[in-house]
Amino acid sequence: MKPPDLSDLAVPGATLAVRVTPKASRNAVERTDDALRVYVTTVPEGGKATAAVVKLLAKALGVPKSRLELVRGETSRDKVFRVL
């Protein structure tokens, strides 16, 4: 499944609220009214799920992974990313 086009959110300095669902049946990014939902098949161990979220989110935003910075929520399902 192709990720949605979120390139309009890829403004430098923008913050993105993300709700993560680890151990999902598929990898997907969904846009809701108030936040983004990211589903990853990876287990939440040792930052693996967060790395998968960064990869999916970067692809959907059309930016390199290095332009995404995790601001808050390293071990939480609710994360905040900043676009650099």
N, C-alpha and C. Protein backbone atom coordinates (compact mmCIF):
# COMPACT_ATOMS: atom_id res chain seq x y z
N MET A 1 0.84 -1.18 0.00
CA MET A 1 0.00 0.00 0.00
C MET A 1 0.88 1.24 0.00
N LYS A 2 0.58 2.17 -0.88
CA LYS A 2 1.36 3.39 -1.00
C LYS A 2 0.99 4.37 0.11
N PRO A 3 1.99 4.98 0.78
CA PRO A 3 1.66 5.94 1.83
C PRO A 3 1.00 7.18 1.25
N PRO A 4 0.16 7.86 2.04
CA PRO A 4 -0.49 9.07 1.53
C PRO A 4 0.53 10.18 1.29
N ASP A 5 0.18 11.12 0.43
CA ASP A 5 1.06 12.24 0.15
C ASP A 5 0.89 13.29 1.24
N LEU A 6 1.88 13.42 2.08
CA LEU A 6 1.84 14.38 3.18
C LEU A 6 2.84 15.51 2.94
N SER A 7 3.22 15.72 1.69
CA SER A 7 4.26 16.70 1.38
C SER A 7 3.88 18.11 1.82
N ASP A 8 2.58 18.40 1.96
CA ASP A 8 2.17 19.72 2.43
C ASP A 8 2.54 19.96 3.89
N LEU A 9 2.82 18.88 4.64
CA LEU A 9 3.23 19.01 6.05
C LEU A 9 4.74 19.12 6.21
N ALA A 10 5.49 18.93 5.13
CA ALA A 10 6.96 18.88 5.20
C ALA A 10 7.57 20.28 5.18
N VAL A 11 7.06 21.17 6.00
CA VAL A 11 7.58 22.53 6.10
C VAL A 11 8.64 22.56 7.20
N PRO A 12 9.83 23.09 6.92
CA PRO A 12 10.86 23.15 7.97
C PRO A 12 10.35 23.87 9.21
N GLY A 13 10.55 23.23 10.37
CA GLY A 13 10.10 23.79 11.64
C GLY A 13 8.74 23.30 12.07
N ALA A 14 8.02 22.61 11.19
CA ALA A 14 6.68 22.11 11.53
C ALA A 14 6.79 20.95 12.51
N THR A 15 5.83 20.86 13.42
CA THR A 15 5.78 19.73 14.34
C THR A 15 4.59 18.85 13.96
N LEU A 16 4.79 17.55 14.07
CA LEU A 16 3.77 16.58 13.69
C LEU A 16 3.45 15.69 14.89
N ALA A 17 2.19 15.67 15.30
CA ALA A 17 1.74 14.77 16.36
C ALA A 17 1.39 13.44 15.71
N VAL A 18 1.98 12.37 16.22
CA VAL A 18 1.81 11.04 15.62
C VAL A 18 1.37 10.05 16.69
N ARG A 19 0.35 9.27 16.37
CA ARG A 19 -0.09 8.18 17.24
C ARG A 19 0.38 6.88 16.58
N VAL A 20 1.17 6.11 17.29
CA VAL A 20 1.79 4.91 16.73
C VAL A 20 1.07 3.65 17.24
N THR A 21 0.84 2.72 16.34
CA THR A 21 0.32 1.40 16.70
C THR A 21 1.35 0.37 16.28
N PRO A 22 2.14 -0.13 17.24
CA PRO A 22 3.13 -1.17 16.90
C PRO A 22 2.45 -2.54 16.78
N LYS A 23 3.16 -3.48 16.20
CA LYS A 23 2.67 -4.85 16.02
C LYS A 23 1.36 -4.88 15.25
N ALA A 24 1.20 -3.98 14.30
CA ALA A 24 -0.01 -3.95 13.47
C ALA A 24 0.10 -5.01 12.38
N SER A 25 -0.97 -5.25 11.69
CA SER A 25 -0.96 -6.26 10.63
C SER A 25 -0.29 -5.76 9.36
N ARG A 26 -0.15 -4.42 9.23
CA ARG A 26 0.47 -3.84 8.04
C ARG A 26 1.12 -2.51 8.40
N ASN A 27 2.03 -2.07 7.56
CA ASN A 27 2.63 -0.75 7.70
C ASN A 27 1.74 0.24 6.96
N ALA A 28 1.34 1.31 7.64
CA ALA A 28 0.47 2.30 6.99
C ALA A 28 0.55 3.63 7.72
N VAL A 29 0.27 4.70 6.97
CA VAL A 29 0.17 6.04 7.53
C VAL A 29 -1.22 6.55 7.18
N GLU A 30 -1.95 7.02 8.19
CA GLU A 30 -3.28 7.58 7.96
C GLU A 30 -3.33 8.99 8.52
N ARG A 31 -4.02 9.85 7.80
CA ARG A 31 -4.18 11.23 8.24
C ARG A 31 -5.56 11.39 8.86
N THR A 32 -5.62 11.89 10.10
CA THR A 32 -6.89 12.18 10.75
C THR A 32 -6.99 13.69 10.93
N ASP A 33 -8.10 14.14 11.50
CA ASP A 33 -8.31 15.57 11.66
C ASP A 33 -7.26 16.23 12.55
N ASP A 34 -6.94 15.57 13.66
CA ASP A 34 -6.06 16.20 14.64
C ASP A 34 -4.63 15.66 14.66
N ALA A 35 -4.38 14.53 14.06
CA ALA A 35 -3.03 13.95 14.13
C ALA A 35 -2.83 12.95 12.99
N LEU A 36 -1.64 12.38 12.98
CA LEU A 36 -1.32 11.31 12.04
C LEU A 36 -1.31 10.00 12.81
N ARG A 37 -1.80 8.94 12.18
CA ARG A 37 -1.72 7.60 12.78
C ARG A 37 -0.77 6.78 11.92
N VAL A 38 0.19 6.15 12.58
CA VAL A 38 1.16 5.32 11.87
C VAL A 38 1.08 3.91 12.44
N TYR A 39 0.87 2.95 11.56
CA TYR A 39 0.81 1.54 11.95
C TYR A 39 2.08 0.86 11.45
N VAL A 40 2.78 0.18 12.34
CA VAL A 40 3.99 -0.54 11.95
C VAL A 40 3.91 -1.98 12.44
N THR A 41 4.48 -2.88 11.66
CA THR A 41 4.46 -4.30 12.02
C THR A 41 5.56 -4.64 13.02
N THR A 42 6.46 -3.72 13.25
CA THR A 42 7.61 -3.95 14.13
C THR A 42 7.19 -3.96 15.59
N VAL A 43 7.92 -4.76 16.39
CA VAL A 43 7.66 -4.81 17.83
C VAL A 43 8.34 -3.62 18.50
N PRO A 44 7.75 -3.10 19.58
CA PRO A 44 8.33 -1.93 20.26
C PRO A 44 9.46 -2.32 21.22
N GLU A 45 10.56 -2.78 20.67
CA GLU A 45 11.71 -3.18 21.49
C GLU A 45 12.95 -2.46 21.00
N GLY A 46 13.64 -1.79 21.89
CA GLY A 46 14.92 -1.16 21.55
C GLY A 46 14.84 -0.10 20.47
N GLY A 47 13.70 0.56 20.34
CA GLY A 47 13.57 1.63 19.36
C GLY A 47 13.29 1.17 17.94
N LYS A 48 13.03 -0.14 17.76
CA LYS A 48 12.78 -0.66 16.41
C LYS A 48 11.51 -0.08 15.81
N ALA A 49 10.46 0.03 16.62
CA ALA A 49 9.20 0.57 16.11
C ALA A 49 9.35 2.05 15.76
N THR A 50 10.07 2.80 16.58
CA THR A 50 10.28 4.22 16.29
C THR A 50 11.07 4.40 15.01
N ALA A 51 12.06 3.55 14.78
CA ALA A 51 12.84 3.62 13.53
C ALA A 51 11.95 3.33 12.33
N ALA A 52 11.04 2.37 12.47
CA ALA A 52 10.11 2.05 11.38
C ALA A 52 9.15 3.21 11.13
N VAL A 53 8.72 3.89 12.20
CA VAL A 53 7.84 5.05 12.06
C VAL A 53 8.55 6.16 11.31
N VAL A 54 9.81 6.41 11.65
CA VAL A 54 10.59 7.46 10.99
C VAL A 54 10.71 7.15 9.50
N LYS A 55 10.97 5.90 9.17
CA LYS A 55 11.11 5.50 7.78
C LYS A 55 9.81 5.71 6.99
N LEU A 56 8.69 5.26 7.55
CA LEU A 56 7.40 5.42 6.89
C LEU A 56 6.98 6.88 6.77
N LEU A 57 7.20 7.63 7.85
CA LEU A 57 6.81 9.04 7.86
C LEU A 57 7.63 9.85 6.87
N ALA A 58 8.92 9.57 6.81
CA ALA A 58 9.79 10.29 5.87
C ALA A 58 9.36 10.02 4.43
N LYS A 59 9.00 8.78 4.14
CA LYS A 59 8.55 8.43 2.79
C LYS A 59 7.25 9.15 2.45
N ALA A 60 6.32 9.19 3.41
CA ALA A 60 5.04 9.86 3.17
C ALA A 60 5.21 11.37 3.01
N LEU A 61 6.16 11.95 3.75
CA LEU A 61 6.40 13.39 3.67
C LEU A 61 7.25 13.77 2.47
N GLY A 62 7.97 12.80 1.92
CA GLY A 62 8.85 13.07 0.79
C GLY A 62 10.14 13.77 1.21
N VAL A 63 10.60 13.46 2.42
CA VAL A 63 11.85 14.05 2.92
C VAL A 63 12.78 12.92 3.36
N PRO A 64 14.10 13.20 3.43
CA PRO A 64 15.00 12.18 3.96
C PRO A 64 14.77 11.95 5.46
N LYS A 65 15.09 10.75 5.94
CA LYS A 65 14.91 10.43 7.36
C LYS A 65 15.68 11.39 8.25
N SER A 66 16.81 11.90 7.76
CA SER A 66 17.64 12.80 8.56
C SER A 66 16.96 14.14 8.83
N ARG A 67 15.90 14.46 8.10
CA ARG A 67 15.18 15.72 8.33
C ARG A 67 14.06 15.59 9.35
N LEU A 68 13.88 14.41 9.92
CA LEU A 68 12.88 14.21 10.97
C LEU A 68 13.57 14.07 12.30
N GLU A 69 13.12 14.86 13.28
CA GLU A 69 13.70 14.80 14.63
C GLU A 69 12.59 14.44 15.60
N LEU A 70 12.85 13.43 16.44
CA LEU A 70 11.88 13.04 17.46
C LEU A 70 12.00 14.04 18.61
N VAL A 71 10.95 14.78 18.87
CA VAL A 71 10.97 15.81 19.92
C VAL A 71 10.52 15.23 21.25
N ARG A 72 9.45 14.40 21.20
CA ARG A 72 8.87 13.88 22.44
C ARG A 72 8.25 12.52 22.16
N GLY A 73 8.34 11.62 23.15
CA GLY A 73 7.64 10.35 23.06
C GLY A 73 8.47 9.17 22.60
N GLU A 74 9.74 9.13 22.98
CA GLU A 74 10.62 8.05 22.54
C GLU A 74 10.07 6.67 22.89
N THR A 75 9.48 6.53 24.08
CA THR A 75 8.95 5.24 24.50
C THR A 75 7.43 5.24 24.59
N SER A 76 6.79 6.25 24.04
CA SER A 76 5.34 6.39 24.11
C SER A 76 4.71 6.10 22.75
N ARG A 77 3.42 5.80 22.75
CA ARG A 77 2.69 5.63 21.49
C ARG A 77 2.42 6.97 20.84
N ASP A 78 2.34 8.02 21.67
CA ASP A 78 2.13 9.37 21.15
C ASP A 78 3.47 10.06 21.02
N LYS A 79 3.84 10.38 19.79
CA LYS A 79 5.14 10.97 19.50
C LYS A 79 4.96 12.32 18.82
N VAL A 80 5.95 13.17 18.97
CA VAL A 80 5.97 14.46 18.27
C VAL A 80 7.27 14.55 17.51
N PHE A 81 7.16 14.79 16.21
CA PHE A 81 8.33 14.93 15.33
C PHE A 81 8.41 16.36 14.84
N ARG A 82 9.63 16.82 14.60
CA ARG A 82 9.86 18.13 13.99
C ARG A 82 10.54 17.91 12.65
N VAL A 83 10.08 18.66 11.65
CA VAL A 83 10.70 18.60 10.34
C VAL A 83 11.82 19.62 10.33
N LEU A 84 13.04 19.19 10.00
CA LEU A 84 14.19 20.08 9.98
C LEU A 84 14.39 20.68 8.61
